[in-house]
Amino acid sequence: MIGRQKEIQILTKAYSSVKPELIALFGRRRVGKTYLIRQYFGNKIDFELTGLKDGNKQQQLRNFSYSLKEAIKADEVPPTPLDWLEAFHQLKLFLESRDDVHKRRVIFIDELPWIATGRSDFLTGFSYFWNSYASKANIVVVICGSATAWMTQKIINDKGGLHNRVTQQIHLQPFTLKETEAFLNEKNIFLDRYQIILLYMAMGGIPLYLEQIQEGQSAVQNIDQICFSHHGFLRNEFDNLYRALFSNADRFMLIVAVLSSSWKGMERSEIVQLTDIKDGGGLTAMLKDLEMSGFISSYVPFGKKKKNTLYRLIDCYSLFYMRFIQNIPKTETASYQTLSQTQTWKTWTGYAFENICFLHINNIKSSLGIAGVQTSQCAFLAKATDDYEGVQIDLLIDRSDNVINLCEIKFYNEEMIITKTDAENIRKKRSIFKFITKTKKQVFVTLITTFGIHQNKNTLGLLDNVLTADALFE
């Protein structure tokens, strides 16, 4: 299994424990939650139930009976329980009837939010099962869901029968660039890191998306086939993704669409104005859900207050879809190979590479030797006034050791050649930043670029650190 070492340690600890364990596993759709559990536990799973998307209570209960039939290895389907209380009583009787009473049991309930809808009474039945039986048994129960916010609110932070019952939590994240490289190598796909970054810009580190990549083709060729052909796996994934995760998905997609137009992020008031969604608890909940699910992030700009928080779309696929795929008519195709030769594409790759750097901020900190230093990071933007020119800084790392790194992020397909004008602009940014913020901290200028720089007279004394794309793979 590629990566997932921390998650495997948690599962191993839980399975080896002498106590009953309730594991809550969550993470966005397609990130590999089901694969992780099935690969790790294999035939140790005694009972597995997967929720039905848009299934009503009766259909979910019938699905439970079919799953129980598989577990019992019966010839006929057991009677459908009247409710979830009866369903979990049937599950309890099944487990108690097993020959080896001392064997560690494993129960896996997948896509839990699809089952536990408002009036289903599922959580009532599950609470009964855990509190009356599982909490005293030699058992591991894994409950899994793609709706991260729902899992957090309804299970982990539950104030009712499941209060403080979860013993382990796993928030499964997309692959990093390093894990993506290892995943592709495992498939005998050996691409250089520039090509891997191009792929990551379009689909991020989502394992099922990466599974579509074919050997012997460049990143552009693969993206062309996966995202732009009529039957490409990611051509219509956007709607499926958000509708599987959120009720009222159209409102979530509207927020995402608006945020995709601003790479530095938007304040809440701008989101309200552009979406016509009322400023209140509903918007707060949606922004929180999107952030917990890994689609957006929020940060307070340097020198600002919490009320100036900016929300930024960070999901690679969503950004790519909104920029290149959404406006293609369903009956038509587009050529990504042609798009990749345009200035629009070149500009977009610069922003997309900047986003990847934000997603791999821990790698950047490690390469700068500040992995153990407390930091905060953000973009920085100041509009021009009568006193100074406007300034935009791609990434600012504010450190507790009295230092600030001003990071310039540039995406090139070769070594960057810094011109006299480039050097003057970098020095001007540093000077204007210090003037505006009145910071007393040491300011270092850091350049992050794909293949490094070509040393010339313009680079002398200009940069304190230069990181290549390899730093993002460490």
Protein backbone atom coordinates (compact mmCIF):
# COMPACT_ATOMS: atom_id res chain seq x y z
CA MET A 1 0.00 0.00 0.00
CA ILE A 2 1.37 3.41 -1.01
CA GLY A 3 1.72 5.86 1.87
CA ARG A 4 -0.91 5.72 4.63
CA GLN A 5 1.72 4.77 7.22
CA LYS A 6 0.16 6.80 10.04
CA GLU A 7 -3.27 5.40 9.23
CA ILE A 8 -1.94 1.84 9.22
CA GLN A 9 -0.35 2.44 12.62
CA ILE A 10 -3.74 3.56 14.00
CA LEU A 11 -5.49 0.50 12.55
CA THR A 12 -2.79 -1.83 13.85
CA LYS A 13 -3.00 -0.32 17.33
CA ALA A 14 -6.78 -0.67 17.31
CA TYR A 15 -6.79 -4.26 16.10
CA SER A 16 -4.08 -5.26 18.59
CA SER A 17 -5.85 -3.57 21.48
CA VAL A 18 -7.51 -5.61 24.21
CA LYS A 19 -10.36 -3.06 24.32
CA PRO A 20 -13.32 -2.56 21.98
CA GLU A 21 -12.47 0.10 19.41
CA LEU A 22 -14.74 2.46 17.48
CA ILE A 23 -12.86 4.05 14.57
CA ALA A 24 -14.30 7.01 12.66
CA LEU A 25 -12.76 7.26 9.20
CA PHE A 26 -13.58 10.23 7.00
CA GLY A 27 -12.22 12.10 4.00
CA ARG A 28 -13.41 13.39 0.67
CA ARG A 29 -14.89 11.12 -1.98
CA ARG A 30 -12.45 9.01 -4.05
CA VAL A 31 -9.60 9.45 -1.55
CA GLY A 32 -9.29 5.71 -0.82
CA LYS A 33 -11.11 5.15 2.48
CA THR A 34 -12.81 1.89 1.49
CA TYR A 35 -9.64 0.62 -0.17
CA LEU A 36 -7.62 1.28 3.00
CA ILE A 37 -9.99 -0.72 5.24
CA ARG A 38 -10.44 -3.62 2.83
CA GLN A 39 -6.72 -3.87 2.12
CA TYR A 40 -5.74 -3.69 5.77
CA PHE A 41 -8.35 -6.03 7.29
CA GLY A 42 -9.02 -8.25 4.26
CA ASN A 43 -10.88 -11.43 5.25
CA LYS A 44 -10.86 -10.39 8.91
CA ILE A 45 -14.00 -8.32 8.26
CA ASP A 46 -16.94 -10.25 9.76
CA PHE A 47 -19.67 -7.91 8.53
CA GLU A 48 -19.64 -5.10 5.98
CA LEU A 49 -22.47 -2.72 5.15
CA THR A 50 -22.30 0.04 2.53
CA GLY A 51 -24.96 2.76 2.47
CA LEU A 52 -27.06 3.39 -0.62
CA LYS A 53 -26.89 6.86 -2.19
CA ASP A 54 -30.40 8.35 -2.05
CA GLY A 55 -31.83 5.10 -0.68
CA ASN A 56 -34.85 5.39 1.59
CA LYS A 57 -35.06 3.72 4.99
CA GLN A 58 -36.72 0.57 3.68
CA GLN A 59 -34.11 0.15 0.94
CA GLN A 60 -31.28 0.63 3.42
CA LEU A 61 -32.78 -2.00 5.73
CA ARG A 62 -33.14 -4.46 2.84
CA ASN A 63 -29.54 -3.75 1.95
CA PHE A 64 -28.63 -4.62 5.55
CA SER A 65 -30.37 -7.99 5.13
CA TYR A 66 -28.44 -8.71 1.94
CA SER A 67 -25.19 -7.85 3.74
CA LEU A 68 -26.13 -10.10 6.67
CA LYS A 69 -26.84 -12.93 4.22
CA GLU A 70 -23.30 -12.56 2.84
CA ALA A 71 -21.82 -12.57 6.36
CA ILE A 72 -23.82 -15.62 7.47
CA LYS A 73 -23.21 -17.32 4.10
CA ALA A 74 -26.87 -18.26 4.06
CA ASP A 75 -28.79 -19.53 1.06
CA GLU A 76 -31.70 -17.18 1.66
CA VAL A 77 -31.93 -13.53 2.64
CA PRO A 78 -32.97 -13.05 6.29
CA PRO A 79 -36.24 -11.19 6.93
CA THR A 80 -35.87 -7.44 6.53
CA PRO A 81 -35.82 -5.83 9.99
CA LEU A 82 -38.58 -3.40 10.87
CA ASP A 83 -36.15 -0.71 12.00
CA TRP A 84 -32.48 -0.19 12.83
CA LEU A 85 -32.93 -1.26 16.43
CA GLU A 86 -34.02 -4.67 15.19
CA ALA A 87 -31.30 -4.68 12.53
CA PHE A 88 -28.52 -4.23 15.05
CA HIS A 89 -30.13 -6.81 17.31
CA GLN A 90 -29.86 -9.25 14.40
CA LEU A 91 -26.21 -8.28 13.95
CA LYS A 92 -25.58 -8.83 17.66
CA LEU A 93 -27.15 -12.33 17.50
CA PHE A 94 -25.04 -13.17 14.46
CA LEU A 95 -21.79 -12.17 16.18
CA GLU A 96 -22.70 -14.02 19.37
CA SER A 97 -23.44 -17.16 17.38
CA ARG A 98 -19.93 -17.41 15.93
CA ASP A 99 -17.97 -20.51 16.91
CA ASP A 100 -14.77 -18.82 18.08
CA VAL A 101 -16.06 -16.49 20.80
CA HIS A 102 -12.54 -15.25 21.57
CA LYS A 103 -11.74 -14.09 18.03
CA ARG A 104 -11.38 -10.35 17.42
CA ARG A 105 -14.39 -9.24 15.35
CA VAL A 106 -14.31 -6.49 12.72
CA ILE A 107 -17.42 -4.59 11.59
CA PHE A 108 -17.17 -2.13 8.70
CA ILE A 109 -19.99 0.33 7.95
CA ASP A 110 -19.21 2.38 4.85
CA GLU A 111 -20.90 5.59 3.59
CA LEU A 112 -22.59 6.05 6.96
CA PRO A 113 -24.08 9.49 6.15
CA TRP A 114 -26.06 7.92 3.29
CA ILE A 115 -27.71 5.54 5.77
CA ALA A 116 -28.20 7.80 8.78
CA THR A 117 -30.55 10.34 7.22
CA GLY A 118 -32.80 12.56 9.33
CA ARG A 119 -35.67 10.18 10.08
CA SER A 120 -33.94 6.86 9.59
CA ASP A 121 -33.34 6.22 13.34
CA PHE A 122 -30.05 4.59 12.31
CA LEU A 123 -27.99 6.36 14.97
CA THR A 124 -30.49 5.20 17.61
CA GLY A 125 -29.96 1.59 16.56
CA PHE A 126 -26.21 1.97 16.23
CA SER A 127 -25.93 3.63 19.67
CA TYR A 128 -27.86 0.68 21.13
CA PHE A 129 -25.52 -1.77 19.41
CA TRP A 130 -22.39 -0.04 20.63
CA ASN A 131 -23.48 0.74 24.19
CA SER A 132 -25.27 -2.55 24.95
CA TYR A 133 -22.97 -4.97 23.15
CA ALA A 134 -19.92 -3.76 21.22
CA SER A 135 -18.50 -1.62 24.04
CA LYS A 136 -18.10 -4.84 26.09
CA ALA A 137 -17.03 -7.15 23.25
CA ASN A 138 -13.77 -8.11 21.58
CA ILE A 139 -14.53 -6.00 18.53
CA VAL A 140 -13.34 -3.27 16.16
CA VAL A 141 -16.08 -1.20 14.52
CA VAL A 142 -15.05 1.06 11.64
CA ILE A 143 -17.57 3.67 10.54
CA CYS A 144 -16.74 5.56 7.38
CA GLY A 145 -18.12 8.53 5.48
CA SER A 146 -17.15 10.98 2.76
CA ALA A 147 -19.14 13.85 4.28
CA THR A 148 -16.41 15.03 6.64
CA ALA A 149 -18.46 17.74 8.33
CA TRP A 150 -21.36 15.33 8.92
CA MET A 151 -19.05 12.72 10.44
CA THR A 152 -17.52 15.32 12.73
CA GLN A 153 -20.80 16.83 13.88
CA LYS A 154 -22.97 13.71 14.12
CA ILE A 155 -20.43 11.14 15.31
CA ILE A 156 -17.27 12.63 16.81
CA ASN A 157 -18.97 15.60 18.49
CA ASP A 158 -22.25 13.82 19.19
CA LYS A 159 -23.90 14.86 22.47
CA GLY A 160 -26.21 11.84 22.62
CA GLY A 161 -25.67 8.09 22.73
CA LEU A 162 -22.30 8.23 20.93
CA HIS A 163 -20.82 10.99 23.07
CA ASN A 164 -17.10 10.28 23.58
CA ARG A 165 -17.50 6.75 22.18
CA VAL A 166 -15.11 7.13 19.23
CA THR A 167 -11.71 5.77 20.27
CA GLN A 168 -9.73 6.55 17.08
CA GLN A 169 -10.13 9.10 14.28
CA ILE A 170 -8.63 8.95 10.79
CA HIS A 171 -8.99 11.92 8.45
CA LEU A 172 -7.68 10.47 5.21
CA GLN A 173 -5.95 13.04 3.03
CA PRO A 174 -5.13 13.03 -0.70
CA PHE A 175 -1.68 11.81 -1.71
CA THR A 176 1.18 14.26 -1.53
CA LEU A 177 3.42 14.73 -4.57
CA LYS A 178 5.85 12.21 -3.10
CA GLU A 179 3.08 9.65 -2.60
CA THR A 180 1.73 10.38 -6.08
CA GLU A 181 5.15 9.64 -7.55
CA ALA A 182 5.34 6.37 -5.60
CA PHE A 183 1.79 5.45 -6.68
CA LEU A 184 2.61 5.96 -10.35
CA ASN A 185 5.88 4.06 -10.05
CA GLU A 186 3.97 1.14 -8.52
CA LYS A 187 1.90 1.12 -11.72
CA ASN A 188 5.13 1.11 -13.78
CA ILE A 189 4.50 4.69 -14.86
CA PHE A 190 7.77 6.59 -14.61
CA LEU A 191 7.35 10.30 -15.27
CA ASP A 192 9.73 13.10 -14.33
CA ARG A 193 8.66 15.46 -11.59
CA TYR A 194 7.68 18.25 -13.96
CA GLN A 195 5.18 15.90 -15.61
CA ILE A 196 3.87 14.74 -12.23
CA ILE A 197 3.28 18.34 -11.15
CA LEU A 198 1.30 18.96 -14.35
CA LEU A 199 -0.90 15.96 -13.50
CA TYR A 200 -1.28 17.10 -9.89
CA MET A 201 -2.41 20.54 -11.05
CA ALA A 202 -5.36 18.93 -12.83
CA MET A 203 -6.43 16.19 -10.43
CA GLY A 204 -4.55 16.58 -7.16
CA GLY A 205 -3.55 13.53 -5.15
CA ILE A 206 -6.84 11.62 -5.41
CA PRO A 207 -5.96 7.93 -5.87
CA LEU A 208 -8.94 7.01 -8.05
CA TYR A 209 -8.20 9.91 -10.38
CA LEU A 210 -4.53 8.94 -10.58
CA GLU A 211 -5.59 5.37 -11.34
CA GLN A 212 -6.78 6.59 -14.76
CA ILE A 213 -3.28 7.63 -15.87
CA GLN A 214 -1.79 5.50 -18.65
CA GLU A 215 1.88 4.69 -19.15
CA GLY A 216 3.64 5.82 -22.27
CA GLN A 217 1.76 9.12 -22.40
CA SER A 218 2.77 12.60 -21.29
CA ALA A 219 0.89 14.51 -18.62
CA VAL A 220 -0.84 16.61 -21.27
CA GLN A 221 -1.89 13.51 -23.24
CA ASN A 222 -3.28 11.86 -20.11
CA ILE A 223 -5.20 14.98 -19.05
CA ASP A 224 -6.57 15.29 -22.58
CA GLN A 225 -8.00 11.77 -22.40
CA ILE A 226 -9.14 11.79 -18.75
CA CYS A 227 -10.66 15.27 -18.61
CA PHE A 228 -11.66 16.29 -22.13
CA SER A 229 -12.80 13.21 -24.05
CA HIS A 230 -16.56 12.45 -24.09
CA HIS A 231 -16.17 9.50 -21.73
CA GLY A 232 -13.19 10.80 -19.77
CA PHE A 233 -13.38 9.85 -16.09
CA LEU A 234 -13.12 13.47 -14.91
CA ARG A 235 -15.19 15.10 -17.63
CA ASN A 236 -18.37 14.98 -15.49
CA GLU A 237 -16.94 14.22 -12.07
CA PHE A 238 -17.50 17.71 -10.66
CA ASP A 239 -21.29 17.47 -10.26
CA ASN A 240 -21.08 13.87 -9.04
CA LEU A 241 -18.47 14.83 -6.45
CA TYR A 242 -20.39 17.67 -4.80
CA ARG A 243 -23.83 16.05 -5.05
CA ALA A 244 -22.52 12.93 -3.31
CA LEU A 245 -21.19 14.98 -0.42
CA PHE A 246 -23.64 17.81 0.21
CA SER A 247 -27.36 18.30 0.33
CA ASN A 248 -28.28 21.53 -1.49
CA ALA A 249 -25.16 20.88 -3.56
CA ASP A 250 -25.97 23.72 -5.99
CA ARG A 251 -25.27 26.27 -3.26
CA PHE A 252 -21.93 24.67 -2.44
CA MET A 253 -20.99 24.59 -6.12
CA LEU A 254 -21.93 28.25 -6.43
CA ILE A 255 -19.52 29.16 -3.63
CA VAL A 256 -16.80 27.08 -5.27
CA ALA A 257 -17.43 28.74 -8.65
CA VAL A 258 -17.13 32.20 -7.11
CA LEU A 259 -13.95 31.35 -5.20
CA SER A 260 -12.37 29.89 -8.33
CA SER A 261 -12.23 33.40 -9.80
CA SER A 262 -9.86 34.69 -7.11
CA TRP A 263 -6.55 32.99 -6.45
CA LYS A 264 -5.76 35.05 -3.35
CA GLY A 265 -9.16 34.36 -1.78
CA MET A 266 -12.27 36.33 -0.89
CA GLU A 267 -13.70 37.85 2.23
CA ARG A 268 -17.06 36.65 3.43
CA SER A 269 -18.75 39.87 2.31
CA GLU A 270 -17.52 39.34 -1.26
CA ILE A 271 -18.89 35.79 -1.27
CA VAL A 272 -22.27 37.08 -0.10
CA GLN A 273 -22.33 39.75 -2.79
CA LEU A 274 -21.36 37.41 -5.65
CA THR A 275 -23.53 34.43 -4.67
CA ASP A 276 -26.63 36.19 -3.26
CA ILE A 277 -26.45 33.72 -0.37
CA LYS A 278 -27.61 35.48 2.79
CA ASP A 279 -24.94 36.29 5.35
CA GLY A 280 -25.80 34.09 8.32
CA GLY A 281 -25.49 30.70 9.90
CA GLY A 282 -26.25 28.88 6.67
CA LEU A 283 -23.27 30.40 4.89
CA THR A 284 -21.09 29.81 7.95
CA ALA A 285 -22.03 26.12 7.93
CA MET A 286 -21.37 25.75 4.19
CA LEU A 287 -17.95 27.40 4.39
CA LYS A 288 -17.10 25.21 7.37
CA ASP A 289 -18.25 22.07 5.52
CA LEU A 290 -16.19 22.96 2.45
CA GLU A 291 -13.12 23.65 4.57
CA MET A 292 -13.44 20.48 6.64
CA SER A 293 -13.84 18.48 3.42
CA GLY A 294 -10.60 19.92 2.04
CA PHE A 295 -12.05 21.98 -0.82
CA ILE A 296 -11.26 25.41 0.57
CA SER A 297 -8.96 26.91 3.18
CA SER A 298 -9.16 30.10 5.19
CA TYR A 299 -6.46 32.40 6.46
CA VAL A 300 -6.09 35.80 8.06
CA PRO A 301 -3.91 38.06 5.87
CA PHE A 302 -0.70 39.34 7.43
CA GLY A 303 -1.37 42.32 9.67
CA LYS A 304 -5.16 41.90 9.48
CA LYS A 305 -7.80 40.78 11.97
CA LYS A 306 -10.00 37.69 12.03
CA LYS A 307 -12.89 39.63 10.49
CA ASN A 308 -10.72 40.01 7.36
CA THR A 309 -10.41 36.22 6.92
CA LEU A 310 -10.01 35.17 3.29
CA TYR A 311 -11.49 31.95 1.88
CA ARG A 312 -9.55 30.29 -0.91
CA LEU A 313 -10.40 27.36 -3.19
CA ILE A 314 -7.57 24.82 -2.94
CA ASP A 315 -8.96 21.60 -4.43
CA CYS A 316 -6.86 21.00 -7.55
CA TYR A 317 -9.55 19.25 -9.58
CA SER A 318 -12.21 21.85 -8.77
CA LEU A 319 -9.87 24.66 -9.81
CA PHE A 320 -8.99 22.87 -13.04
CA TYR A 321 -12.61 22.02 -13.82
CA MET A 322 -13.83 25.58 -13.31
CA ARG A 323 -11.05 26.98 -15.48
CA PHE A 324 -10.99 24.57 -18.42
CA ILE A 325 -13.82 21.99 -18.43
CA GLN A 326 -17.07 23.54 -17.21
CA ASN A 327 -17.80 25.63 -20.29
CA ILE A 328 -17.28 22.85 -22.84
CA PRO A 329 -20.68 21.82 -24.27
CA LYS A 330 -21.52 18.22 -23.37
CA THR A 331 -21.71 17.22 -27.02
CA GLU A 332 -18.27 18.62 -27.82
CA THR A 333 -14.68 17.96 -26.87
CA ALA A 334 -11.68 20.22 -26.49
CA SER A 335 -7.99 19.65 -27.05
CA TYR A 336 -5.92 20.11 -23.93
CA GLN A 337 -2.81 19.72 -26.06
CA THR A 338 -3.89 22.85 -27.93
CA LEU A 339 -4.84 24.68 -24.74
CA SER A 340 -1.45 23.90 -23.23
CA GLN A 341 0.24 26.03 -25.88
CA THR A 342 -1.70 29.20 -25.02
CA GLN A 343 -0.69 32.10 -22.82
CA THR A 344 -3.86 31.54 -20.77
CA TRP A 345 -2.61 28.05 -19.87
CA LYS A 346 0.86 29.34 -18.98
CA THR A 347 -0.66 31.94 -16.67
CA TRP A 348 -2.89 29.32 -15.09
CA THR A 349 0.03 26.96 -14.38
CA GLY A 350 1.68 29.74 -12.41
CA TYR A 351 -1.34 30.04 -10.13
CA ALA A 352 -1.81 26.28 -9.93
CA PHE A 353 1.84 25.78 -8.92
CA GLU A 354 1.35 28.41 -6.25
CA ASN A 355 -1.61 26.41 -4.92
CA ILE A 356 0.49 23.24 -4.84
CA CYS A 357 3.10 25.07 -2.79
CA PHE A 358 0.44 26.04 -0.25
CA LEU A 359 -0.68 22.40 -0.09
CA HIS A 360 2.93 21.32 0.53
CA ILE A 361 3.86 24.05 2.99
CA ASN A 362 5.35 21.50 5.41
CA ASN A 363 7.79 20.36 2.72
CA ILE A 364 8.82 23.97 2.12
CA LYS A 365 9.33 24.57 5.83
CA SER A 366 11.41 21.42 6.10
CA SER A 367 13.61 22.45 3.16
CA LEU A 368 14.11 25.85 4.80
CA GLY A 369 15.18 24.14 8.03
CA ILE A 370 12.24 25.51 10.03
CA ALA A 371 10.10 22.39 10.42
CA GLY A 372 10.13 22.82 14.20
CA VAL A 373 9.40 26.55 14.17
CA GLN A 374 5.86 27.79 14.77
CA THR A 375 4.64 29.60 11.65
CA SER A 376 1.61 30.93 9.84
CA GLN A 377 1.37 31.36 6.10
CA CYS A 378 -0.71 33.44 3.73
CA ALA A 379 -0.59 35.44 0.54
CA PHE A 380 -0.06 39.20 0.83
CA LEU A 381 -1.68 41.88 -1.29
CA ALA A 382 -1.55 45.65 -0.87
CA LYS A 383 -3.14 48.08 -3.30
CA ALA A 384 -1.24 51.09 -4.57
CA THR A 385 -1.60 54.43 -2.78
CA ASP A 386 -0.07 57.87 -3.19
CA ASP A 387 2.79 56.72 -0.95
CA TYR A 388 3.76 53.40 -2.53
CA GLU A 389 3.17 51.05 -5.43
CA GLY A 390 0.91 48.03 -5.04
CA VAL A 391 2.57 44.77 -4.06
CA GLN A 392 1.56 41.12 -4.31
CA ILE A 393 3.47 38.35 -2.53
CA ASP A 394 2.66 34.76 -3.50
CA LEU A 395 3.44 33.19 -0.15
CA LEU A 396 4.47 34.74 3.13
CA ILE A 397 5.75 32.58 6.01
CA ASP A 398 5.60 34.42 9.32
CA ARG A 399 7.89 32.70 11.82
CA SER A 400 8.04 32.76 15.61
CA ASP A 401 11.86 33.03 15.46
CA ASN A 402 11.49 36.68 14.39
CA VAL A 403 11.88 36.02 10.67
CA ILE A 404 9.55 36.37 7.68
CA ASN A 405 10.10 34.54 4.40
CA LEU A 406 8.76 36.35 1.34
CA CYS A 407 8.33 33.60 -1.22
CA GLU A 408 8.27 34.22 -4.96
CA ILE A 409 6.76 31.21 -6.78
CA LYS A 410 7.50 30.69 -10.48
CA PHE A 411 6.61 27.76 -12.72
CA TYR A 412 8.94 27.18 -15.67
CA ASN A 413 9.86 24.19 -17.82
CA GLU A 414 13.56 25.04 -17.50
CA GLU A 415 15.93 26.99 -15.28
CA MET A 416 14.65 30.47 -14.54
CA ILE A 417 16.77 33.31 -15.88
CA ILE A 418 16.41 36.35 -13.66
CA THR A 419 16.56 39.55 -15.64
CA LYS A 420 17.51 42.98 -14.37
CA THR A 421 13.82 43.88 -14.28
CA ASP A 422 12.99 40.71 -12.29
CA ALA A 423 15.69 41.57 -9.75
CA GLU A 424 14.44 45.15 -9.39
CA ASN A 425 10.87 43.92 -8.84
CA ILE A 426 11.92 41.45 -6.14
CA ARG A 427 13.92 44.13 -4.29
CA LYS A 428 11.02 46.56 -4.64
CA LYS A 429 8.55 44.02 -3.19
CA ARG A 430 10.75 43.48 -0.17
CA SER A 431 11.18 47.22 0.39
CA ILE A 432 7.48 48.06 -0.01
CA PHE A 433 6.46 45.17 2.26
CA LYS A 434 8.72 46.42 5.03
CA PHE A 435 7.48 49.98 4.56
CA ILE A 436 3.78 49.01 4.65
CA THR A 437 3.93 46.56 7.54
CA LYS A 438 6.59 48.37 9.60
CA THR A 439 7.80 44.91 10.58
CA LYS A 440 10.85 44.64 12.81
CA LYS A 441 11.46 41.04 11.80
CA GLN A 442 14.28 39.87 9.56
CA VAL A 443 12.91 39.50 6.03
CA PHE A 444 14.34 36.73 3.83
CA VAL A 445 13.51 36.45 0.14
CA THR A 446 12.86 32.87 -0.99
CA LEU A 447 12.39 31.75 -4.59
CA ILE A 448 10.51 28.53 -5.31
CA THR A 449 10.77 27.51 -8.96
CA THR A 450 10.62 24.28 -10.87
CA PHE A 451 14.24 23.79 -11.94
CA GLY A 452 16.07 26.47 -9.97
CA ILE A 453 17.81 29.50 -11.44
CA HIS A 454 20.60 30.24 -13.85
CA GLN A 455 23.22 32.16 -11.92
CA ASN A 456 24.11 35.55 -13.38
CA LYS A 457 25.00 39.03 -12.20
CA ASN A 458 21.34 39.79 -11.44
CA THR A 459 21.11 37.04 -8.83
CA LEU A 460 24.05 38.29 -6.73
CA GLY A 461 22.85 39.17 -3.23
CA LEU A 462 19.23 38.95 -4.36
CA LEU A 463 17.90 35.72 -2.86
CA ASP A 464 18.34 34.18 0.57
CA ASN A 465 16.94 30.76 -0.42
CA VAL A 466 16.21 29.00 -3.71
CA LEU A 467 14.05 25.87 -3.65
CA THR A 468 13.35 23.66 -6.66
CA ALA A 469 10.30 21.46 -7.23
CA ASP A 470 12.26 18.59 -5.69
CA ALA A 471 11.67 20.20 -2.29
CA LEU A 472 7.95 19.52 -2.69
CA PHE A 473 8.64 15.79 -3.12
CA GLU A 474 10.72 15.35 0.04
